Amino acid sequence: MQVKKFEKAESVLGSGSVTVLSTTSFNISITILYRLFQNLI
């Protein structure tokens, strides 16, 4: 029982970190696009 709980928590943490990474890269790309857009104007 205890091992199963630990494995589940580990997989949740793993998917969570992947989500955070993708969100961060998404925000960075939007910021870069926004700055380029401002430079054009």
PDB file of N, CA and C in Angstrom:
ATOM      1  N   MET A   1       0.836  -1.206   0.000  1.00  0.00           N
ATOM      2  CA  MET A   1       0.000   0.000   0.000  1.00  0.00           C
ATOM      3  C   MET A   1       0.873   1.259   0.000  1.00  0.00           C
ATOM      4  N   GLN A   2       1.832   1.290   0.914  1.00  0.00           N
ATOM      5  CA  GLN A   2       2.671   2.478   1.056  1.00  0.00           C
ATOM      6  C   GLN A   2       3.475   2.753  -0.223  1.00  0.00           C
ATOM      7  N   VAL A   3       3.982   1.670  -0.831  1.00  0.00           N
ATOM      8  CA  VAL A   3       4.787   1.833  -2.047  1.00  0.00           C
ATOM      9  C   VAL A   3       3.931   2.381  -3.181  1.00  0.00           C
ATOM     10  N   LYS A   4       2.698   1.873  -3.296  1.00  0.00           N
ATOM     11  CA  LYS A   4       1.803   2.341  -4.361  1.00  0.00           C
ATOM     12  C   LYS A   4       1.529   3.833  -4.218  1.00  0.00           C
ATOM     13  N   LYS A   5       1.290   4.266  -2.983  1.00  0.00           N
ATOM     14  CA  LYS A   5       1.032   5.691  -2.739  1.00  0.00           C
ATOM     15  C   LYS A   5       2.227   6.531  -3.171  1.00  0.00           C
ATOM     16  N   PHE A   6       3.413   6.055  -2.819  1.00  0.00           N
ATOM     17  CA  PHE A   6       4.633   6.786  -3.147  1.00  0.00           C
ATOM     18  C   PHE A   6       4.806   6.897  -4.662  1.00  0.00           C
ATOM     19  N   GLU A   7       4.547   5.790  -5.369  1.00  0.00           N
ATOM     20  CA  GLU A   7       4.684   5.796  -6.832  1.00  0.00           C
ATOM     21  C   GLU A   7       3.704   6.776  -7.456  1.00  0.00           C
ATOM     22  N   LYS A   8       2.474   6.796  -6.926  1.00  0.00           N
ATOM     23  CA  LYS A   8       1.462   7.703  -7.467  1.00  0.00           C
ATOM     24  C   LYS A   8       1.883   9.157  -7.257  1.00  0.00           C
ATOM     25  N   ALA A   9       2.365   9.468  -6.061  1.00  0.00           N
ATOM     26  CA  ALA A   9       2.806  10.830  -5.761  1.00  0.00           C
ATOM     27  C   ALA A   9       3.951  11.234  -6.684  1.00  0.00           C
ATOM     28  N   GLU A  10       4.851  10.293  -6.946  1.00  0.00           N
ATOM     29  CA  GLU A  10       6.004  10.582  -7.798  1.00  0.00           C
ATOM     30  C   GLU A  10       5.559  10.913  -9.223  1.00  0.00           C
ATOM     31  N   SER A  11       4.594  10.138  -9.746  1.00  0.00           N
ATOM     32  CA  SER A  11       4.125  10.376 -11.110  1.00  0.00           C
ATOM     33  C   SER A  11       3.387  11.710 -11.202  1.00  0.00           C
ATOM     34  N   VAL A  12       2.633  12.045 -10.158  1.00  0.00           N
ATOM     35  CA  VAL A  12       1.922  13.334 -10.142  1.00  0.00           C
ATOM     36  C   VAL A  12       2.923  14.480 -10.130  1.00  0.00           C
ATOM     37  N   LEU A  13       3.967  14.350  -9.305  1.00  0.00           N
ATOM     38  CA  LEU A  13       4.996  15.384  -9.249  1.00  0.00           C
ATOM     39  C   LEU A  13       5.698  15.514 -10.590  1.00  0.00           C
ATOM     40  N   GLY A  14       5.968  14.378 -11.247  1.00  0.00           N
ATOM     41  CA  GLY A  14       6.646  14.392 -12.533  1.00  0.00           C
ATOM     42  C   GLY A  14       5.841  15.129 -13.590  1.00  0.00           C
ATOM     43  N   SER A  15       4.552  14.809 -13.679  1.00  0.00           N
ATOM     44  CA  SER A  15       3.705  15.472 -14.667  1.00  0.00           C
ATOM     45  C   SER A  15       3.543  16.946 -14.318  1.00  0.00           C
ATOM     46  N   GLY A  16       3.530  17.256 -13.027  1.00  0.00           N
ATOM     47  CA  GLY A  16       3.399  18.645 -12.594  1.00  0.00           C
ATOM     48  C   GLY A  16       4.584  19.482 -13.032  1.00  0.00           C
ATOM     49  N   SER A  17       5.800  18.940 -12.871  1.00  0.00           N
ATOM     50  CA  SER A  17       6.995  19.682 -13.258  1.00  0.00           C
ATOM     51  C   SER A  17       7.029  19.891 -14.768  1.00  0.00           C
ATOM     52  N   VAL A  18       6.548  18.909 -15.528  1.00  0.00           N
ATOM     53  CA  VAL A  18       6.503  19.051 -16.989  1.00  0.00           C
ATOM     54  C   VAL A  18       5.546  20.177 -17.366  1.00  0.00           C
ATOM     55  N   THR A  19       4.404  20.230 -16.678  1.00  0.00           N
ATOM     56  CA  THR A  19       3.428  21.288 -16.948  1.00  0.00           C
ATOM     57  C   THR A  19       4.024  22.651 -16.646  1.00  0.00           C
ATOM     58  N   VAL A  20       4.717  22.758 -15.525  1.00  0.00           N
ATOM     59  CA  VAL A  20       5.341  24.029 -15.142  1.00  0.00           C
ATOM     60  C   VAL A  20       6.369  24.446 -16.185  1.00  0.00           C
ATOM     61  N   LEU A  21       7.165  23.482 -16.660  1.00  0.00           N
ATOM     62  CA  LEU A  21       8.193  23.782 -17.658  1.00  0.00           C
ATOM     63  C   LEU A  21       7.570  24.296 -18.944  1.00  0.00           C
ATOM     64  N   SER A  22       6.512  23.625 -19.421  1.00  0.00           N
ATOM     65  CA  SER A  22       5.874  24.041 -20.666  1.00  0.00           C
ATOM     66  C   SER A  22       5.216  25.404 -20.502  1.00  0.00           C
ATOM     67  N   THR A  23       4.617  25.655 -19.331  1.00  0.00           N
ATOM     68  CA  THR A  23       3.988  26.954 -19.083  1.00  0.00           C
ATOM     69  C   THR A  23       5.032  28.058 -19.076  1.00  0.00           C
ATOM     70  N   THR A  24       6.182  27.785 -18.454  1.00  0.00           N
ATOM     71  CA  THR A  24       7.248  28.785 -18.378  1.00  0.00           C
ATOM     72  C   THR A  24       7.771  29.117 -19.771  1.00  0.00           C
ATOM     73  N   SER A  25       8.037  28.105 -20.583  1.00  0.00           N
ATOM     74  CA  SER A  25       8.547  28.341 -21.934  1.00  0.00           C
ATOM     75  C   SER A  25       7.506  29.069 -22.774  1.00  0.00           C
ATOM     76  N   PHE A  26       6.224  28.755 -22.548  1.00  0.00           N
ATOM     77  CA  PHE A  26       5.140  29.424 -23.259  1.00  0.00           C
ATOM     78  C   PHE A  26       5.115  30.908 -22.905  1.00  0.00           C
ATOM     79  N   ASN A  27       5.247  31.228 -21.618  1.00  0.00           N
ATOM     80  CA  ASN A  27       5.257  32.620 -21.173  1.00  0.00           C
ATOM     81  C   ASN A  27       6.454  33.365 -21.741  1.00  0.00           C
ATOM     82  N   ILE A  28       7.606  32.707 -21.783  1.00  0.00           N
ATOM     83  CA  ILE A  28       8.824  33.342 -22.303  1.00  0.00           C
ATOM     84  C   ILE A  28       8.661  33.672 -23.782  1.00  0.00           C
ATOM     85  N   SER A  29       8.095  32.739 -24.552  1.00  0.00           N
ATOM     86  CA  SER A  29       7.921  32.977 -25.987  1.00  0.00           C
ATOM     87  C   SER A  29       6.930  34.114 -26.223  1.00  0.00           C
ATOM     88  N   ILE A  30       5.881  34.199 -25.398  1.00  0.00           N
ATOM     89  CA  ILE A  30       4.901  35.287 -25.542  1.00  0.00           C
ATOM     90  C   ILE A  30       5.569  36.622 -25.231  1.00  0.00           C
ATOM     91  N   THR A  31       6.412  36.648 -24.189  1.00  0.00           N
ATOM     92  CA  THR A  31       7.112  37.881 -23.822  1.00  0.00           C
ATOM     93  C   THR A  31       8.012  38.340 -24.962  1.00  0.00           C
ATOM     94  N   ILE A  32       8.728  37.402 -25.583  1.00  0.00           N
ATOM     95  CA  ILE A  32       9.627  37.741 -26.693  1.00  0.00           C
ATOM     96  C   ILE A  32       8.823  38.290 -27.870  1.00  0.00           C
ATOM     97  N   LEU A  33       7.708  37.626 -28.200  1.00  0.00           N
ATOM     98  CA  LEU A  33       6.865  38.093 -29.299  1.00  0.00           C
ATOM     99  C   LEU A  33       6.331  39.489 -29.010  1.00  0.00           C
ATOM    100  N   TYR A  34       5.917  39.725 -27.764  1.00  0.00           N
ATOM    101  CA  TYR A  34       5.373  41.027 -27.370  1.00  0.00           C
ATOM    102  C   TYR A  34       6.426  42.119 -27.531  1.00  0.00           C
ATOM    103  N   ARG A  35       7.670  41.827 -27.138  1.00  0.00           N
ATOM    104  CA  ARG A  35       8.746  42.816 -27.251  1.00  0.00           C
ATOM    105  C   ARG A  35       9.046  43.106 -28.719  1.00  0.00           C
ATOM    106  N   LEU A  36       9.062  42.065 -29.548  1.00  0.00           N
ATOM    107  CA  LEU A  36       9.303  42.267 -30.977  1.00  0.00           C
ATOM    108  C   LEU A  36       8.199  43.128 -31.581  1.00  0.00           C
ATOM    109  N   PHE A  37       6.966  42.860 -31.171  1.00  0.00           N
ATOM    110  CA  PHE A  37       5.819  43.617 -31.672  1.00  0.00           C
ATOM    111  C   PHE A  37       5.939  45.086 -31.281  1.00  0.00           C
ATOM    112  N   GLN A  38       6.368  45.358 -30.048  1.00  0.00           N
ATOM    113  CA  GLN A  38       6.533  46.735 -29.585  1.00  0.00           C
ATOM    114  C   GLN A  38       7.638  47.435 -30.370  1.00  0.00           C
ATOM    115  N   ASN A  39       8.696  46.711 -30.694  1.00  0.00           N
ATOM    116  CA  ASN A  39       9.801  47.296 -31.445  1.00  0.00           C
ATOM    117  C   ASN A  39       9.358  47.689 -32.853  1.00  0.00           C
ATOM    118  N   LEU A  40       8.433  46.925 -33.439  1.00  0.00           N
ATOM    119  CA  LEU A  40       7.942  47.244 -34.776  1.00  0.00           C
ATOM    120  C   LEU A  40       7.153  48.547 -34.763  1.00  0.00           C
ATOM    121  N   ILE A  41       6.405  48.779 -33.695  1.00  0.00           N
ATOM    122  CA  ILE A  41       5.615  50.019 -33.577  1.00  0.00           C
ATOM    123  C   ILE A  41       6.508  51.126 -33.034  1.00  0.00           C
TER     124      ILE A  41
END
